[in-house]
Amino acid sequence: MNAHDPRRQGDWFTEPTPQQRAMRAQLMREADRAQGRFGVGRRAFLGSSMGAAAAMWIAQRSAHARSEAEVNDGFSVPGDAVYEECETASFTRLDDSTAYDWELIEDATRGQQRAVQDTILGMLGNLAGLYAGFGVDQELHVTQTATRAHRANASDELILVALIHDAAKIISNANHPELIAAIARPYISEGGYRILRHHMEFQWKHYGAFILKPTDMRDRYVGMPWYDDAVLFSDEFDQNSFDPKYDTLPLAEFEPLVRQFFGTEPESRNRTADDC
């Protein structure tokens, strides 16, 4: 390798050393472990003070290793004491808090918000195996709904709505439209929110009579700017997406779409009950 080769030692184009690869792998494992301990997704963890503390710990433990094997051999993951150096608010009552406390909290909150996209993907993945009496599980149902929307050249937002509309069933079937609509509301349009919030009322047209529900509930929304999209979603994408033989795209195909919407800075404002 000559002196002018951009891959020479010390140049930015140099491939990672075995030690660097091992350190990166250790940090990814610690990020995954921290998700269970702190409830923070991998991306948010890596961009947080906790991630910085873990990275420093791993770098210090690996500094004198001569190979990837030495980095991994007997490596102990950071203990909780490492994270105690991460500055946090110290008040025990909100009325004793300071502006500086809230700067710390806002910074940590932004890190947590970056993990929402991972949380949504986790909710969707957890639908696998949840049949709830249907002939296909809920993951296949939502991905099939999204696949039909995609193949009908629906807007990105309507495809996203199709994908996540039943995601909150993993929490509660009874009020899943309200739950997922509230989660998604800061990231999507008012029309997208309304389709999520009211999608069961539109679906009752197809089966409400069998469960003693009115079949004309959707009529109350005629004339709303989102009504036609709600009908399209209900009648062409959702109600017919329980077919195990349909060529359904896998969840991974829609991951970029989830990150596109939920990876953005959300609208931030508190809503009152009469705004729902």
C-alpha atoms as a PDB file:
ATOM      1  CA  MET A   1       0.000   0.000   0.000  1.00  0.00           C
ATOM      2  CA  ASN A   2       1.745   3.203  -1.124  1.00  0.00           C
ATOM      3  CA  ALA A   3       1.754   6.554   0.664  1.00  0.00           C
ATOM      4  CA  HIS A   4      -0.840   7.997  -1.720  1.00  0.00           C
ATOM      5  CA  ASP A   5      -3.321   5.167  -1.357  1.00  0.00           C
ATOM      6  CA  PRO A   6      -6.471   6.608   0.318  1.00  0.00           C
ATOM      7  CA  ARG A   7      -6.796   3.377   2.286  1.00  0.00           C
ATOM      8  CA  ARG A   8      -3.419   3.930   4.023  1.00  0.00           C
ATOM      9  CA  GLN A   9      -3.201   3.667   7.801  1.00  0.00           C
ATOM     10  CA  GLY A  10      -4.509   6.775   9.560  1.00  0.00           C
ATOM     11  CA  ASP A  11      -6.567   8.000   6.621  1.00  0.00           C
ATOM     12  CA  TRP A  12     -10.327   8.519   6.979  1.00  0.00           C
ATOM     13  CA  PHE A  13     -10.873   5.852   4.323  1.00  0.00           C
ATOM     14  CA  THR A  14      -9.133   3.141   6.337  1.00  0.00           C
ATOM     15  CA  GLU A  15     -11.312   0.136   7.088  1.00  0.00           C
ATOM     16  CA  PRO A  16     -12.213  -0.289  10.791  1.00  0.00           C
ATOM     17  CA  THR A  17      -9.692  -2.307  12.761  1.00  0.00           C
ATOM     18  CA  PRO A  18     -10.754  -5.587  14.388  1.00  0.00           C
ATOM     19  CA  GLN A  19     -10.718  -3.792  17.739  1.00  0.00           C
ATOM     20  CA  GLN A  20     -13.026  -1.064  16.401  1.00  0.00           C
ATOM     21  CA  ARG A  21     -15.428  -3.636  14.962  1.00  0.00           C
ATOM     22  CA  ALA A  22     -15.529  -5.460  18.288  1.00  0.00           C
ATOM     23  CA  MET A  23     -16.056  -2.229  20.234  1.00  0.00           C
ATOM     24  CA  ARG A  24     -18.919  -1.281  17.918  1.00  0.00           C
ATOM     25  CA  ALA A  25     -20.518  -4.710  18.386  1.00  0.00           C
ATOM     26  CA  GLN A  26     -20.194  -4.372  22.178  1.00  0.00           C
ATOM     27  CA  LEU A  27     -21.864  -0.948  22.042  1.00  0.00           C
ATOM     28  CA  MET A  28     -24.745  -2.304  19.937  1.00  0.00           C
ATOM     29  CA  ARG A  29     -25.252  -5.100  22.461  1.00  0.00           C
ATOM     30  CA  GLU A  30     -25.230  -2.605  25.306  1.00  0.00           C
ATOM     31  CA  ALA A  31     -27.774  -0.451  23.450  1.00  0.00           C
ATOM     32  CA  ASP A  32     -30.086  -3.445  23.111  1.00  0.00           C
ATOM     33  CA  ARG A  33     -29.600  -4.325  26.777  1.00  0.00           C
ATOM     34  CA  ALA A  34     -30.319  -0.750  27.824  1.00  0.00           C
ATOM     35  CA  GLN A  35     -33.636  -0.806  25.981  1.00  0.00           C
ATOM     36  CA  GLY A  36     -34.944  -3.305  28.512  1.00  0.00           C
ATOM     37  CA  ARG A  37     -33.424  -1.483  31.469  1.00  0.00           C
ATOM     38  CA  PHE A  38     -34.259   2.086  30.581  1.00  0.00           C
ATOM     39  CA  GLY A  39     -37.011   1.798  27.950  1.00  0.00           C
ATOM     40  CA  VAL A  40     -34.960   3.687  25.363  1.00  0.00           C
ATOM     41  CA  GLY A  41     -34.571   2.437  21.794  1.00  0.00           C
ATOM     42  CA  ARG A  42     -31.180   1.788  20.216  1.00  0.00           C
ATOM     43  CA  ARG A  43     -31.020   4.993  18.182  1.00  0.00           C
ATOM     44  CA  ALA A  44     -32.056   7.174  21.093  1.00  0.00           C
ATOM     45  CA  PHE A  45     -29.622   5.402  23.434  1.00  0.00           C
ATOM     46  CA  LEU A  46     -26.667   5.905  21.098  1.00  0.00           C
ATOM     47  CA  GLY A  47     -27.430   9.623  20.884  1.00  0.00           C
ATOM     48  CA  SER A  48     -27.860  10.077  24.637  1.00  0.00           C
ATOM     49  CA  SER A  49     -25.540  10.719  27.547  1.00  0.00           C
ATOM     50  CA  MET A  50     -26.071   7.083  28.595  1.00  0.00           C
ATOM     51  CA  GLY A  51     -24.768   5.952  25.211  1.00  0.00           C
ATOM     52  CA  ALA A  52     -21.770   8.255  25.519  1.00  0.00           C
ATOM     53  CA  ALA A  53     -20.979   6.839  28.957  1.00  0.00           C
ATOM     54  CA  ALA A  54     -21.224   3.272  27.669  1.00  0.00           C
ATOM     55  CA  ALA A  55     -19.032   4.084  24.657  1.00  0.00           C
ATOM     56  CA  MET A  56     -16.369   5.613  26.911  1.00  0.00           C
ATOM     57  CA  TRP A  57     -16.449   2.584  29.197  1.00  0.00           C
ATOM     58  CA  ILE A  58     -16.087   0.188  26.262  1.00  0.00           C
ATOM     59  CA  ALA A  59     -13.264   2.244  24.740  1.00  0.00           C
ATOM     60  CA  GLN A  60     -11.364   2.284  28.039  1.00  0.00           C
ATOM     61  CA  ARG A  61     -11.773  -1.467  28.528  1.00  0.00           C
ATOM     62  CA  SER A  62     -10.651  -2.138  24.954  1.00  0.00           C
ATOM     63  CA  ALA A  63      -7.796   0.360  24.671  1.00  0.00           C
ATOM     64  CA  HIS A  64      -4.967  -2.119  25.237  1.00  0.00           C
ATOM     65  CA  ALA A  65      -6.450  -5.088  23.391  1.00  0.00           C
ATOM     66  CA  ARG A  66      -4.324  -6.410  20.548  1.00  0.00           C
ATOM     67  CA  SER A  67      -7.068  -8.245  18.669  1.00  0.00           C
ATOM     68  CA  GLU A  68     -10.803  -8.604  18.291  1.00  0.00           C
ATOM     69  CA  ALA A  69     -10.631 -11.790  20.354  1.00  0.00           C
ATOM     70  CA  GLU A  70      -9.032  -9.920  23.250  1.00  0.00           C
ATOM     71  CA  VAL A  71     -11.717  -7.258  23.107  1.00  0.00           C
ATOM     72  CA  ASN A  72     -14.430  -9.888  23.409  1.00  0.00           C
ATOM     73  CA  ASP A  73     -12.660 -12.280  25.753  1.00  0.00           C
ATOM     74  CA  GLY A  74     -13.972 -11.827  29.247  1.00  0.00           C
ATOM     75  CA  PHE A  75     -15.548  -8.492  28.431  1.00  0.00           C
ATOM     76  CA  SER A  76     -17.961  -7.248  31.108  1.00  0.00           C
ATOM     77  CA  VAL A  77     -20.736  -4.902  30.106  1.00  0.00           C
ATOM     78  CA  PRO A  78     -21.001  -1.515  31.842  1.00  0.00           C
ATOM     79  CA  GLY A  79     -22.722  -1.590  35.214  1.00  0.00           C
ATOM     80  CA  ASP A  80     -25.315   0.875  36.412  1.00  0.00           C
ATOM     81  CA  ALA A  81     -22.604   2.925  38.122  1.00  0.00           C
ATOM     82  CA  VAL A  82     -21.403   4.075  34.696  1.00  0.00           C
ATOM     83  CA  TYR A  83     -24.685   5.817  34.082  1.00  0.00           C
ATOM     84  CA  GLU A  84     -24.741   7.543  37.457  1.00  0.00           C
ATOM     85  CA  GLU A  85     -22.348  10.107  35.974  1.00  0.00           C
ATOM     86  CA  CYS A  86     -25.047  11.143  33.493  1.00  0.00           C
ATOM     87  CA  GLU A  87     -26.519  14.333  34.848  1.00  0.00           C
ATOM     88  CA  THR A  88     -30.204  14.226  35.722  1.00  0.00           C
ATOM     89  CA  ALA A  89     -32.659  16.507  37.472  1.00  0.00           C
ATOM     90  CA  SER A  90     -32.455  16.285  41.260  1.00  0.00           C
ATOM     91  CA  PHE A  91     -35.790  17.686  42.464  1.00  0.00           C
ATOM     92  CA  THR A  92     -38.355  15.594  44.334  1.00  0.00           C
ATOM     93  CA  ARG A  93     -41.270  18.002  43.757  1.00  0.00           C
ATOM     94  CA  LEU A  94     -42.164  19.756  40.519  1.00  0.00           C
ATOM     95  CA  ASP A  95     -42.597  23.068  42.332  1.00  0.00           C
ATOM     96  CA  ASP A  96     -38.951  22.818  43.455  1.00  0.00           C
ATOM     97  CA  SER A  97     -37.627  22.318  39.910  1.00  0.00           C
ATOM     98  CA  THR A  98     -35.433  24.835  38.096  1.00  0.00           C
ATOM     99  CA  ALA A  99     -35.007  25.973  34.507  1.00  0.00           C
ATOM    100  CA  TYR A 100     -31.770  23.975  34.352  1.00  0.00           C
ATOM    101  CA  ASP A 101     -33.591  20.832  35.483  1.00  0.00           C
ATOM    102  CA  TRP A 102     -35.981  21.251  32.597  1.00  0.00           C
ATOM    103  CA  GLU A 103     -33.148  21.734  30.129  1.00  0.00           C
ATOM    104  CA  LEU A 104     -31.833  18.326  31.208  1.00  0.00           C
ATOM    105  CA  ILE A 105     -35.287  16.756  30.968  1.00  0.00           C
ATOM    106  CA  GLU A 106     -36.011  18.266  27.559  1.00  0.00           C
ATOM    107  CA  ASP A 107     -32.687  16.966  26.238  1.00  0.00           C
ATOM    108  CA  ALA A 108     -33.426  13.466  27.530  1.00  0.00           C
ATOM    109  CA  THR A 109     -36.971  13.639  26.173  1.00  0.00           C
ATOM    110  CA  ARG A 110     -35.701  14.448  22.694  1.00  0.00           C
ATOM    111  CA  GLY A 111     -33.553  11.331  22.902  1.00  0.00           C
ATOM    112  CA  GLN A 112     -36.528   9.252  23.970  1.00  0.00           C
ATOM    113  CA  GLN A 113     -38.662  10.679  21.145  1.00  0.00           C
ATOM    114  CA  ARG A 114     -36.117   9.458  18.613  1.00  0.00           C
ATOM    115  CA  ALA A 115     -36.964   5.938  19.785  1.00  0.00           C
ATOM    116  CA  VAL A 116     -40.676   6.212  18.890  1.00  0.00           C
ATOM    117  CA  GLN A 117     -40.024   4.773  15.435  1.00  0.00           C
ATOM    118  CA  ASP A 118     -38.468   1.675  17.041  1.00  0.00           C
ATOM    119  CA  THR A 119     -41.407   1.391  19.438  1.00  0.00           C
ATOM    120  CA  ILE A 120     -43.920   1.449  16.572  1.00  0.00           C
ATOM    121  CA  LEU A 121     -41.968  -1.206  14.673  1.00  0.00           C
ATOM    122  CA  GLY A 122     -41.869  -3.258  17.871  1.00  0.00           C
ATOM    123  CA  MET A 123     -45.641  -2.999  18.278  1.00  0.00           C
ATOM    124  CA  LEU A 124     -46.144  -4.143  14.686  1.00  0.00           C
ATOM    125  CA  GLY A 125     -43.715  -7.032  15.088  1.00  0.00           C
ATOM    126  CA  ASN A 126     -45.480  -8.155  18.254  1.00  0.00           C
ATOM    127  CA  LEU A 127     -48.693  -8.617  16.277  1.00  0.00           C
ATOM    128  CA  ALA A 128     -47.166 -11.798  14.836  1.00  0.00           C
ATOM    129  CA  GLY A 129     -48.977 -14.734  16.397  1.00  0.00           C
ATOM    130  CA  LEU A 130     -51.872 -12.600  17.650  1.00  0.00           C
ATOM    131  CA  TYR A 131     -54.883 -14.120  15.887  1.00  0.00           C
ATOM    132  CA  ALA A 132     -57.659 -12.833  18.168  1.00  0.00           C
ATOM    133  CA  GLY A 133     -59.988 -15.351  16.510  1.00  0.00           C
ATOM    134  CA  PHE A 134     -59.209 -14.336  12.917  1.00  0.00           C
ATOM    135  CA  GLY A 135     -57.907 -16.746  10.281  1.00  0.00           C
ATOM    136  CA  VAL A 136     -54.618 -14.835   9.937  1.00  0.00           C
ATOM    137  CA  ASP A 137     -52.556 -13.134  12.599  1.00  0.00           C
ATOM    138  CA  GLN A 138     -52.700  -9.383  13.025  1.00  0.00           C
ATOM    139  CA  GLU A 139     -49.236  -8.772  11.574  1.00  0.00           C
ATOM    140  CA  LEU A 140     -50.263 -10.370   8.297  1.00  0.00           C
ATOM    141  CA  HIS A 141     -53.519  -8.419   8.365  1.00  0.00           C
ATOM    142  CA  VAL A 142     -51.889  -4.997   8.763  1.00  0.00           C
ATOM    143  CA  THR A 143     -49.085  -5.692   6.281  1.00  0.00           C
ATOM    144  CA  GLN A 144     -51.638  -6.995   3.790  1.00  0.00           C
ATOM    145  CA  THR A 145     -53.740  -3.861   4.293  1.00  0.00           C
ATOM    146  CA  ALA A 146     -50.651  -1.725   3.686  1.00  0.00           C
ATOM    147  CA  THR A 147     -49.660  -3.836   0.664  1.00  0.00           C
ATOM    148  CA  ARG A 148     -53.052  -3.252  -0.945  1.00  0.00           C
ATOM    149  CA  ALA A 149     -52.751   0.486  -0.279  1.00  0.00           C
ATOM    150  CA  HIS A 150     -49.257   0.512  -1.747  1.00  0.00           C
ATOM    151  CA  ARG A 151     -50.336  -1.331  -4.891  1.00  0.00           C
ATOM    152  CA  ALA A 152     -53.255   1.079  -5.309  1.00  0.00           C
ATOM    153  CA  ASN A 153     -50.748   3.976  -5.361  1.00  0.00           C
ATOM    154  CA  ALA A 154     -52.210   5.485  -2.208  1.00  0.00           C
ATOM    155  CA  SER A 155     -50.356   8.334  -0.531  1.00  0.00           C
ATOM    156  CA  ASP A 156     -47.506   7.522   1.822  1.00  0.00           C
ATOM    157  CA  GLU A 157     -49.615   8.642   4.753  1.00  0.00           C
ATOM    158  CA  LEU A 158     -52.547   6.414   3.822  1.00  0.00           C
ATOM    159  CA  ILE A 159     -50.169   3.450   3.433  1.00  0.00           C
ATOM    160  CA  LEU A 160     -48.806   4.215   6.899  1.00  0.00           C
ATOM    161  CA  VAL A 161     -52.347   4.430   8.303  1.00  0.00           C
ATOM    162  CA  ALA A 162     -53.102   1.073   6.698  1.00  0.00           C
ATOM    163  CA  LEU A 163     -49.989  -0.409   8.292  1.00  0.00           C
ATOM    164  CA  ILE A 164     -50.492   0.827  11.860  1.00  0.00           C
ATOM    165  CA  HIS A 165     -54.294   0.922  12.154  1.00  0.00           C
ATOM    166  CA  ASP A 166     -54.503  -2.201  14.355  1.00  0.00           C
ATOM    167  CA  ALA A 167     -51.080  -1.918  16.031  1.00  0.00           C
ATOM    168  CA  ALA A 168     -52.584  -0.980  19.407  1.00  0.00           C
ATOM    169  CA  LYS A 169     -54.403  -4.321  19.594  1.00  0.00           C
ATOM    170  CA  ILE A 170     -51.204  -5.536  21.227  1.00  0.00           C
ATOM    171  CA  ILE A 171     -52.230  -3.290  24.154  1.00  0.00           C
ATOM    172  CA  SER A 172     -56.039  -3.377  24.105  1.00  0.00           C
ATOM    173  CA  ASN A 173     -58.456  -4.537  21.459  1.00  0.00           C
ATOM    174  CA  ALA A 174     -61.414  -2.680  22.944  1.00  0.00           C
ATOM    175  CA  ASN A 175     -60.120   0.834  22.290  1.00  0.00           C
ATOM    176  CA  HIS A 176     -57.320   0.214  19.807  1.00  0.00           C
ATOM    177  CA  PRO A 177     -58.514   2.867  17.301  1.00  0.00           C
ATOM    178  CA  GLU A 178     -58.343   5.595  19.948  1.00  0.00           C
ATOM    179  CA  LEU A 179     -54.946   4.427  21.217  1.00  0.00           C
ATOM    180  CA  ILE A 180     -53.140   4.244  17.872  1.00  0.00           C
ATOM    181  CA  ALA A 181     -54.753   7.475  16.670  1.00  0.00           C
ATOM    182  CA  ALA A 182     -53.487   9.320  19.754  1.00  0.00           C
ATOM    183  CA  ILE A 183     -49.971   7.904  19.333  1.00  0.00           C
ATOM    184  CA  ALA A 184     -49.816   8.838  15.652  1.00  0.00           C
ATOM    185  CA  ARG A 185     -51.556  12.217  15.849  1.00  0.00           C
ATOM    186  CA  PRO A 186     -48.426  14.393  16.282  1.00  0.00           C
ATOM    187  CA  TYR A 187     -46.821  12.770  13.230  1.00  0.00           C
ATOM    188  CA  ILE A 188     -49.634  12.742  10.652  1.00  0.00           C
ATOM    189  CA  SER A 189     -52.340  14.988   9.255  1.00  0.00           C
ATOM    190  CA  GLU A 190     -55.710  15.591  10.878  1.00  0.00           C
ATOM    191  CA  GLY A 191     -57.279  13.453   8.151  1.00  0.00           C
ATOM    192  CA  GLY A 192     -54.924  10.558   8.846  1.00  0.00           C
ATOM    193  CA  TYR A 193     -55.694  10.857  12.543  1.00  0.00           C
ATOM    194  CA  ARG A 194     -59.451  10.765  11.901  1.00  0.00           C
ATOM    195  CA  ILE A 195     -59.219   7.675   9.695  1.00  0.00           C
ATOM    196  CA  LEU A 196     -57.373   5.854  12.479  1.00  0.00           C
ATOM    197  CA  ARG A 197     -59.650   7.183  15.190  1.00  0.00           C
ATOM    198  CA  HIS A 198     -62.911   6.215  13.439  1.00  0.00           C
ATOM    199  CA  HIS A 199     -61.940   3.211  11.322  1.00  0.00           C
ATOM    200  CA  MET A 200     -64.087   0.773  13.316  1.00  0.00           C
ATOM    201  CA  GLU A 201     -67.184   2.879  12.695  1.00  0.00           C
ATOM    202  CA  PHE A 202     -66.525   2.580   8.970  1.00  0.00           C
ATOM    203  CA  GLN A 203     -65.910  -1.168   9.236  1.00  0.00           C
ATOM    204  CA  TRP A 204     -69.209  -1.833  10.998  1.00  0.00           C
ATOM    205  CA  LYS A 205     -70.884  -1.386   7.619  1.00  0.00           C
ATOM    206  CA  HIS A 206     -69.494  -4.820   6.718  1.00  0.00           C
ATOM    207  CA  TYR A 207     -70.214  -6.806   9.876  1.00  0.00           C
ATOM    208  CA  GLY A 208     -71.873  -4.604  12.481  1.00  0.00           C
ATOM    209  CA  ALA A 209     -75.191  -6.412  12.178  1.00  0.00           C
ATOM    210  CA  PHE A 210     -73.564  -9.619  13.475  1.00  0.00           C
ATOM    211  CA  ILE A 211     -72.340  -7.989  16.696  1.00  0.00           C
ATOM    212  CA  LEU A 212     -75.317  -5.683  17.337  1.00  0.00           C
ATOM    213  CA  LYS A 213     -73.550  -2.542  16.107  1.00  0.00           C
ATOM    214  CA  PRO A 214     -75.070   0.072  13.764  1.00  0.00           C
ATOM    215  CA  THR A 215     -73.993  -0.315  10.151  1.00  0.00           C
ATOM    216  CA  ASP A 216     -74.478   3.329   9.192  1.00  0.00           C
ATOM    217  CA  MET A 217     -72.109   5.024  11.656  1.00  0.00           C
ATOM    218  CA  ARG A 218     -69.893   6.237   8.818  1.00  0.00           C
ATOM    219  CA  ASP A 219     -72.732   8.361   7.488  1.00  0.00           C
ATOM    220  CA  ARG A 220     -72.191  10.936  10.236  1.00  0.00           C
ATOM    221  CA  TYR A 221     -68.872  11.846   8.584  1.00  0.00           C
ATOM    222  CA  VAL A 222     -70.150  12.402   5.045  1.00  0.00           C
ATOM    223  CA  GLY A 223     -68.783  15.694   3.805  1.00  0.00           C
ATOM    224  CA  MET A 224     -65.670  15.610   5.957  1.00  0.00           C
ATOM    225  CA  PRO A 225     -62.492  16.217   3.884  1.00  0.00           C
ATOM    226  CA  TRP A 226     -61.100  12.829   4.922  1.00  0.00           C
ATOM    227  CA  TYR A 227     -64.319  10.842   4.337  1.00  0.00           C
ATOM    228  CA  ASP A 228     -63.461   9.516   0.865  1.00  0.00           C
ATOM    229  CA  ASP A 229     -60.046   8.307   1.997  1.00  0.00           C
ATOM    230  CA  ALA A 230     -61.654   6.603   5.001  1.00  0.00           C
ATOM    231  CA  VAL A 231     -64.093   4.789   2.705  1.00  0.00           C
ATOM    232  CA  LEU A 232     -61.232   3.776   0.390  1.00  0.00           C
ATOM    233  CA  PHE A 233     -59.199   2.519   3.327  1.00  0.00           C
ATOM    234  CA  SER A 234     -62.124   0.620   4.819  1.00  0.00           C
ATOM    235  CA  ASP A 235     -63.632  -0.926   1.717  1.00  0.00           C
ATOM    236  CA  GLU A 236     -60.612  -1.540  -0.522  1.00  0.00           C
ATOM    237  CA  PHE A 237     -57.695  -2.079   1.849  1.00  0.00           C
ATOM    238  CA  ASP A 238     -58.839  -3.162   5.314  1.00  0.00           C
ATOM    239  CA  GLN A 239     -61.977  -5.303   5.199  1.00  0.00           C
ATOM    240  CA  ASN A 240     -60.588  -7.685   2.551  1.00  0.00           C
ATOM    241  CA  SER A 241     -57.102  -8.183   4.027  1.00  0.00           C
ATOM    242  CA  PHE A 242     -57.509 -11.508   5.789  1.00  0.00           C
ATOM    243  CA  ASP A 243     -56.342 -13.692   2.887  1.00  0.00           C
ATOM    244  CA  PRO A 244     -53.432 -16.038   3.718  1.00  0.00           C
ATOM    245  CA  LYS A 245     -52.881 -16.682  -0.013  1.00  0.00           C
ATOM    246  CA  TYR A 246     -52.501 -13.022  -0.970  1.00  0.00           C
ATOM    247  CA  ASP A 247     -48.973 -11.948  -1.979  1.00  0.00           C
ATOM    248  CA  THR A 248     -48.382  -9.766   1.083  1.00  0.00           C
ATOM    249  CA  LEU A 249     -45.218  -7.714   1.462  1.00  0.00           C
ATOM    250  CA  PRO A 250     -43.265  -8.364   4.686  1.00  0.00           C
ATOM    251  CA  LEU A 251     -43.122  -5.824   7.494  1.00  0.00           C
ATOM    252  CA  ALA A 252     -39.488  -5.027   6.635  1.00  0.00           C
ATOM    253  CA  GLU A 253     -40.644  -3.491   3.341  1.00  0.00           C
ATOM    254  CA  PHE A 254     -42.511  -0.810   5.289  1.00  0.00           C
ATOM    255  CA  GLU A 255     -39.823  -0.017   7.846  1.00  0.00           C
ATOM    256  CA  PRO A 256     -38.505   3.018   5.894  1.00  0.00           C
ATOM    257  CA  LEU A 257     -42.038   4.428   5.822  1.00  0.00           C
ATOM    258  CA  VAL A 258     -42.391   4.071   9.590  1.00  0.00           C
ATOM    259  CA  ARG A 259     -39.046   5.801  10.090  1.00  0.00           C
ATOM    260  CA  GLN A 260     -40.012   8.526   7.602  1.00  0.00           C
ATOM    261  CA  PHE A 261     -43.019   9.557   9.693  1.00  0.00           C
ATOM    262  CA  PHE A 262     -42.122   8.616  13.257  1.00  0.00           C
ATOM    263  CA  GLY A 263     -38.482   9.633  12.953  1.00  0.00           C
ATOM    264  CA  THR A 264     -39.421  13.295  12.628  1.00  0.00           C
ATOM    265  CA  GLU A 265     -39.755  15.885  15.378  1.00  0.00           C
ATOM    266  CA  PRO A 266     -43.414  15.572  16.438  1.00  0.00           C
ATOM    267  CA  GLU A 267     -45.846  18.416  16.799  1.00  0.00           C
ATOM    268  CA  SER A 268     -45.920  19.203  20.496  1.00  0.00           C
ATOM    269  CA  ARG A 269     -49.060  20.534  22.132  1.00  0.00           C
ATOM    270  CA  ASN A 270     -51.431  19.277  24.780  1.00  0.00           C
ATOM    271  CA  ARG A 271     -54.954  18.532  23.617  1.00  0.00           C
ATOM    272  CA  THR A 272     -58.132  18.796  25.625  1.00  0.00           C
ATOM    273  CA  ALA A 273     -60.952  16.268  25.666  1.00  0.00           C
ATOM    274  CA  ASP A 274     -63.129  18.335  23.338  1.00  0.00           C
ATOM    275  CA  ASP A 275     -60.321  18.297  20.755  1.00  0.00           C
ATOM    276  CA  CYS A 276     -60.686  14.531  20.291  1.00  0.00           C
END
